[in-house]
């Protein structure tokens, strides 16, 4: 992924300010996917979750959690890992150097889907 959004409370008006957090390269978030579930109707494509952990780096100044990030060289290992090996990978993950900047509150509405929403705001 190119990056992700996180929110902090504005000291000026108490509203939530969105931040775009990104690295210079692609970020690979650890996640889990299930293609079927008894809780889903037939024909549903399944469910997924992005695994989060404690924040570090620039994310720690914005929120207390962030996606657990993997390195590209770990993808095959992650896909084949036993639960114990996957947990070890999660606990040993390293956060790459990232940057964060505040973006428009328009990202709070899912109907808004345009590239200009990634532009920094003052």
C-alpha atoms as a PDB file:
ATOM      1  CA  UNK A   1       0.000   0.000   0.000  1.00  0.00           C
ATOM      2  CA  UNK A   2       1.130   3.557  -0.576  1.00  0.00           C
ATOM      3  CA  UNK A   3       0.266   4.568   2.972  1.00  0.00           C
ATOM      4  CA  UNK A   4      -2.575   4.731   5.431  1.00  0.00           C
ATOM      5  CA  UNK A   5      -4.692   7.256   7.307  1.00  0.00           C
ATOM      6  CA  UNK A   6      -4.795   7.790  11.034  1.00  0.00           C
ATOM      7  CA  UNK A   7      -6.616  10.442  13.036  1.00  0.00           C
ATOM      8  CA  UNK A   8      -5.733  12.692  15.958  1.00  0.00           C
ATOM      9  CA  UNK A   9      -7.927  15.147  17.866  1.00  0.00           C
ATOM     10  CA  UNK A  10      -7.354  18.776  16.928  1.00  0.00           C
ATOM     11  CA  UNK A  11      -6.488  20.982  19.913  1.00  0.00           C
ATOM     12  CA  UNK A  12      -8.187  23.935  18.168  1.00  0.00           C
ATOM     13  CA  UNK A  13     -11.701  22.579  17.664  1.00  0.00           C
ATOM     14  CA  UNK A  14     -11.752  19.055  19.171  1.00  0.00           C
ATOM     15  CA  UNK A  15     -12.521  17.479  15.785  1.00  0.00           C
ATOM     16  CA  UNK A  16     -10.558  14.599  14.307  1.00  0.00           C
ATOM     17  CA  UNK A  17      -7.772  15.523  11.897  1.00  0.00           C
ATOM     18  CA  UNK A  18      -6.727  12.875   9.346  1.00  0.00           C
ATOM     19  CA  UNK A  19      -3.043  12.209   8.657  1.00  0.00           C
ATOM     20  CA  UNK A  20      -1.556  10.369   5.696  1.00  0.00           C
ATOM     21  CA  UNK A  21       1.337   8.189   6.857  1.00  0.00           C
ATOM     22  CA  UNK A  22       3.645   6.808   4.174  1.00  0.00           C
ATOM     23  CA  UNK A  23       7.141   5.642   3.312  1.00  0.00           C
ATOM     24  CA  UNK A  24       9.178   6.200   0.168  1.00  0.00           C
ATOM     25  CA  UNK A  25       8.441   2.632  -0.978  1.00  0.00           C
ATOM     26  CA  UNK A  26       5.495   0.288  -0.805  1.00  0.00           C
ATOM     27  CA  UNK A  27       4.249  -0.667   2.655  1.00  0.00           C
ATOM     28  CA  UNK A  28       3.265  -4.293   3.193  1.00  0.00           C
ATOM     29  CA  UNK A  29       0.798  -4.737   6.037  1.00  0.00           C
ATOM     30  CA  UNK A  30       0.462  -8.078   7.798  1.00  0.00           C
ATOM     31  CA  UNK A  31      -3.065  -9.368   7.510  1.00  0.00           C
ATOM     32  CA  UNK A  32      -5.344 -12.363   7.649  1.00  0.00           C
ATOM     33  CA  UNK A  33      -7.885 -13.413   5.045  1.00  0.00           C
ATOM     34  CA  UNK A  34     -10.617 -16.039   5.178  1.00  0.00           C
ATOM     35  CA  UNK A  35     -12.395 -16.992   1.986  1.00  0.00           C
ATOM     36  CA  UNK A  36     -15.457 -18.446   3.661  1.00  0.00           C
ATOM     37  CA  UNK A  37     -17.255 -17.955   6.928  1.00  0.00           C
ATOM     38  CA  UNK A  38     -20.489 -19.354   8.316  1.00  0.00           C
ATOM     39  CA  UNK A  39     -21.396 -15.755   9.200  1.00  0.00           C
ATOM     40  CA  UNK A  40     -21.350 -14.618   5.555  1.00  0.00           C
ATOM     41  CA  UNK A  41     -24.004 -15.215   2.894  1.00  0.00           C
ATOM     42  CA  UNK A  42     -23.249 -17.559  -0.012  1.00  0.00           C
ATOM     43  CA  UNK A  43     -21.254 -15.906  -2.761  1.00  0.00           C
ATOM     44  CA  UNK A  44     -19.480 -13.488  -0.415  1.00  0.00           C
ATOM     45  CA  UNK A  45     -15.793 -13.022  -1.231  1.00  0.00           C
ATOM     46  CA  UNK A  46     -14.685 -13.481   2.362  1.00  0.00           C
ATOM     47  CA  UNK A  47     -13.264 -11.312   5.104  1.00  0.00           C
ATOM     48  CA  UNK A  48      -9.896  -9.819   5.948  1.00  0.00           C
ATOM     49  CA  UNK A  49      -8.213  -7.877   8.707  1.00  0.00           C
ATOM     50  CA  UNK A  50      -5.048  -5.833   8.915  1.00  0.00           C
ATOM     51  CA  UNK A  51      -3.048  -6.696  12.012  1.00  0.00           C
ATOM     52  CA  UNK A  52      -2.138  -3.715  14.177  1.00  0.00           C
ATOM     53  CA  UNK A  53       0.387  -3.225  16.943  1.00  0.00           C
ATOM     54  CA  UNK A  54       1.844  -0.451  19.055  1.00  0.00           C
ATOM     55  CA  UNK A  55       2.833   2.676  17.162  1.00  0.00           C
ATOM     56  CA  UNK A  56       6.412   3.691  16.628  1.00  0.00           C
ATOM     57  CA  UNK A  57       8.167   6.422  14.701  1.00  0.00           C
ATOM     58  CA  UNK A  58       6.003   9.216  13.308  1.00  0.00           C
ATOM     59  CA  UNK A  59       2.853   7.163  13.922  1.00  0.00           C
ATOM     60  CA  UNK A  60       3.401   7.298  17.678  1.00  0.00           C
ATOM     61  CA  UNK A  61       2.873  11.076  17.646  1.00  0.00           C
ATOM     62  CA  UNK A  62      -0.547  10.607  16.018  1.00  0.00           C
ATOM     63  CA  UNK A  63      -2.097   7.408  17.372  1.00  0.00           C
ATOM     64  CA  UNK A  64      -1.314   4.519  19.712  1.00  0.00           C
ATOM     65  CA  UNK A  65      -1.604   1.796  17.062  1.00  0.00           C
ATOM     66  CA  UNK A  66      -0.476   1.196  13.484  1.00  0.00           C
ATOM     67  CA  UNK A  67      -0.422  -1.656  10.964  1.00  0.00           C
ATOM     68  CA  UNK A  68       2.268  -4.275  11.546  1.00  0.00           C
ATOM     69  CA  UNK A  69       4.508  -3.981   8.497  1.00  0.00           C
ATOM     70  CA  UNK A  70       6.463  -6.761   6.796  1.00  0.00           C
ATOM     71  CA  UNK A  71       9.453  -6.612   4.474  1.00  0.00           C
ATOM     72  CA  UNK A  72       9.077  -7.792   0.860  1.00  0.00           C
ATOM     73  CA  UNK A  73      11.503 -10.653   1.543  1.00  0.00           C
ATOM     74  CA  UNK A  74       9.096 -11.958   4.239  1.00  0.00           C
ATOM     75  CA  UNK A  75       5.978 -12.362   2.097  1.00  0.00           C
ATOM     76  CA  UNK A  76       6.423 -16.040   1.165  1.00  0.00           C
ATOM     77  CA  UNK A  77       7.374 -16.864   4.743  1.00  0.00           C
ATOM     78  CA  UNK A  78       4.290 -15.005   6.061  1.00  0.00           C
ATOM     79  CA  UNK A  79       1.954 -16.814   3.677  1.00  0.00           C
ATOM     80  CA  UNK A  80       3.244 -20.239   4.783  1.00  0.00           C
ATOM     81  CA  UNK A  81       3.871 -19.508   8.478  1.00  0.00           C
ATOM     82  CA  UNK A  82       2.486 -21.588  11.298  1.00  0.00           C
ATOM     83  CA  UNK A  83       0.657 -19.569  13.975  1.00  0.00           C
ATOM     84  CA  UNK A  84       3.762 -19.595  16.212  1.00  0.00           C
ATOM     85  CA  UNK A  85       6.054 -18.512  13.366  1.00  0.00           C
ATOM     86  CA  UNK A  86       3.610 -15.797  12.310  1.00  0.00           C
ATOM     87  CA  UNK A  87       3.512 -14.438  15.861  1.00  0.00           C
ATOM     88  CA  UNK A  88       7.303 -14.380  15.973  1.00  0.00           C
ATOM     89  CA  UNK A  89       7.340 -12.412  12.706  1.00  0.00           C
ATOM     90  CA  UNK A  90       4.805  -9.926  14.065  1.00  0.00           C
ATOM     91  CA  UNK A  91       6.771  -9.374  17.256  1.00  0.00           C
ATOM     92  CA  UNK A  92      10.047  -8.905  15.366  1.00  0.00           C
ATOM     93  CA  UNK A  93       8.695  -6.574  12.670  1.00  0.00           C
ATOM     94  CA  UNK A  94      10.597  -3.353  12.085  1.00  0.00           C
ATOM     95  CA  UNK A  95       8.968  -0.077  11.122  1.00  0.00           C
ATOM     96  CA  UNK A  96      10.515   1.568   8.062  1.00  0.00           C
ATOM     97  CA  UNK A  97      11.274   5.277   7.996  1.00  0.00           C
ATOM     98  CA  UNK A  98       7.985   7.033   7.328  1.00  0.00           C
ATOM     99  CA  UNK A  99       6.588  10.533   7.012  1.00  0.00           C
ATOM    100  CA  UNK A 100       3.212  11.899   8.036  1.00  0.00           C
ATOM    101  CA  UNK A 101       1.282  15.006   7.090  1.00  0.00           C
ATOM    102  CA  UNK A 102      -2.211  16.258   7.759  1.00  0.00           C
ATOM    103  CA  UNK A 103      -4.740  15.959   4.919  1.00  0.00           C
ATOM    104  CA  UNK A 104      -8.244  17.286   4.292  1.00  0.00           C
ATOM    105  CA  UNK A 105     -11.075  16.192   6.561  1.00  0.00           C
ATOM    106  CA  UNK A 106     -12.860  15.278   3.319  1.00  0.00           C
ATOM    107  CA  UNK A 107     -11.204  11.830   3.625  1.00  0.00           C
ATOM    108  CA  UNK A 108     -13.642  11.144   6.481  1.00  0.00           C
ATOM    109  CA  UNK A 109     -16.430  10.606   3.931  1.00  0.00           C
ATOM    110  CA  UNK A 110     -16.159   7.360   1.917  1.00  0.00           C
ATOM    111  CA  UNK A 111     -17.930   8.982  -1.047  1.00  0.00           C
ATOM    112  CA  UNK A 112     -14.889  11.217  -1.504  1.00  0.00           C
ATOM    113  CA  UNK A 113     -12.405   9.278  -3.613  1.00  0.00           C
ATOM    114  CA  UNK A 114      -9.957  11.457  -5.464  1.00  0.00           C
ATOM    115  CA  UNK A 115      -6.199  11.733  -5.592  1.00  0.00           C
ATOM    116  CA  UNK A 116      -6.216  15.345  -4.385  1.00  0.00           C
ATOM    117  CA  UNK A 117      -7.189  14.062  -0.930  1.00  0.00           C
ATOM    118  CA  UNK A 118      -3.556  12.962  -0.513  1.00  0.00           C
ATOM    119  CA  UNK A 119      -2.351  16.579  -0.685  1.00  0.00           C
ATOM    120  CA  UNK A 120      -1.058  18.104   2.579  1.00  0.00           C
ATOM    121  CA  UNK A 121      -3.111  20.828   4.248  1.00  0.00           C
ATOM    122  CA  UNK A 122      -1.870  23.564   6.571  1.00  0.00           C
END
